[in-house]
Protein backbone atom coordinates (compact mmCIF):
# COMPACT_ATOMS: atom_id res chain seq x y z
CA UNK A 1 -36.05 12.63 45.02
CA UNK A 2 -37.09 15.52 47.22
CA UNK A 3 -37.91 18.69 45.28
CA UNK A 4 -37.82 22.03 46.99
CA UNK A 5 -39.17 25.03 45.07
CA UNK A 6 -38.45 28.56 46.15
CA UNK A 7 -40.66 31.39 44.89
CA UNK A 8 -39.58 35.03 45.16
CA UNK A 9 -41.56 38.23 44.82
CA UNK A 10 -40.61 41.26 42.73
CA UNK A 11 -38.27 42.48 45.49
CA UNK A 12 -36.47 39.09 45.51
CA UNK A 13 -37.92 38.20 48.91
CA UNK A 14 -38.86 34.56 49.33
CA UNK A 15 -42.62 34.33 49.23
CA UNK A 16 -43.02 30.56 49.27
CA UNK A 17 -41.17 27.33 49.90
CA UNK A 18 -42.69 24.04 48.82
CA UNK A 19 -41.41 20.56 49.56
CA UNK A 20 -42.53 17.64 47.41
CA UNK A 21 -41.84 13.91 47.22
CA UNK A 22 -39.68 11.70 49.39
CA UNK A 23 -36.26 10.20 49.48
CA UNK A 24 -33.75 8.81 51.87
CA UNK A 25 -35.18 8.85 55.42
CA UNK A 26 -32.18 10.75 56.77
CA UNK A 27 -32.50 13.46 54.12
CA UNK A 28 -36.28 13.60 54.58
CA UNK A 29 -35.82 14.08 58.30
CA UNK A 30 -33.31 16.91 57.80
CA UNK A 31 -35.58 18.67 55.28
CA UNK A 32 -38.60 18.35 57.61
CA UNK A 33 -36.73 19.53 60.69
CA UNK A 34 -35.45 22.64 58.86
CA UNK A 35 -38.91 23.46 57.61
CA UNK A 36 -40.65 22.98 60.96
CA UNK A 37 -37.97 24.99 62.68
CA UNK A 38 -38.48 27.85 60.20
CA UNK A 39 -42.25 27.76 60.77
CA UNK A 40 -41.88 27.75 64.56
CA UNK A 41 -39.26 30.50 64.45
CA UNK A 42 -41.32 32.76 62.19
CA UNK A 43 -44.35 32.26 64.44
CA UNK A 44 -42.44 32.84 67.72
CA UNK A 45 -39.90 35.47 66.72
CA UNK A 46 -41.65 37.65 64.17
CA UNK A 47 -44.89 39.43 63.48
CA UNK A 48 -45.00 38.15 59.87
CA UNK A 49 -48.23 36.60 58.59
CA UNK A 50 -47.84 33.21 56.97
CA UNK A 51 -49.63 29.99 56.11
CA UNK A 52 -48.28 26.45 56.45
CA UNK A 53 -49.94 23.45 54.83
CA UNK A 54 -48.67 19.93 55.29
CA UNK A 55 -50.17 16.80 53.82
CA UNK A 56 -51.35 14.30 56.42
CA UNK A 57 -49.55 11.51 54.61
CA UNK A 58 -46.62 11.91 52.31
CA UNK A 59 -45.05 14.93 53.97
CA UNK A 60 -45.51 17.41 51.09
CA UNK A 61 -45.64 20.90 52.54
CA UNK A 62 -45.88 24.58 51.60
CA UNK A 63 -44.83 27.62 53.63
CA UNK A 64 -46.19 30.89 52.26
CA UNK A 65 -45.34 34.32 53.62
CA UNK A 66 -48.49 36.43 53.37
CA UNK A 67 -47.03 39.59 54.85
CA UNK A 68 -43.49 40.19 56.05
CA UNK A 69 -42.63 41.85 59.32
CA UNK A 70 -41.06 45.34 59.18
CA UNK A 71 -37.88 44.22 60.93
CA UNK A 72 -36.87 41.75 58.20
CA UNK A 73 -36.64 38.81 60.65
CA UNK A 74 -38.91 36.50 58.65
CA UNK A 75 -36.98 37.14 55.46
CA UNK A 76 -33.74 36.29 57.26
CA UNK A 77 -35.30 33.08 58.56
CA UNK A 78 -36.51 32.13 55.08
CA UNK A 79 -33.06 32.77 53.59
CA UNK A 80 -31.57 30.67 56.36
CA UNK A 81 -33.97 27.87 55.49
CA UNK A 82 -32.88 27.95 51.83
CA UNK A 83 -29.23 28.02 52.96
CA UNK A 84 -29.82 24.87 54.99
CA UNK A 85 -31.50 23.16 52.02
CA UNK A 86 -28.60 24.10 49.75
CA UNK A 87 -26.16 22.59 52.26
CA UNK A 88 -28.10 19.35 52.22
CA UNK A 89 -28.20 19.44 48.42
CA UNK A 90 -24.40 19.76 48.28
CA UNK A 91 -23.97 16.56 50.31
CA UNK A 92 -26.92 14.58 48.91
CA UNK A 93 -27.35 15.74 45.32
CA UNK A 94 -28.93 12.42 44.33
CA UNK A 95 -31.63 12.83 47.00
CA UNK A 96 -32.62 16.50 46.87
CA UNK A 97 -32.89 19.35 44.37
CA UNK A 98 -33.45 23.01 45.27
CA UNK A 99 -35.07 25.08 42.55
CA UNK A 100 -34.84 28.84 43.13
């Protein structure tokens, strides 16, 4: 089962998203695509500072926001990422769990 953990700061902003384990290849692909799209979007569309670590094998990954942009774009993208994960969880509850 894929486990997605969301961490929030004291202002309820998402500070970290971690993805662990594996599951159905279709669900894994969807989870990976959403995460990579969020990373690319934050990098291209915002001035936020972040780190992204992904295991060479296994696919475990962590996206940490180090410093948000002043416009709130990165926070919106992070909330969108979680929304996407929750949508997958609704359809594939035996394959994925989102812990927020």
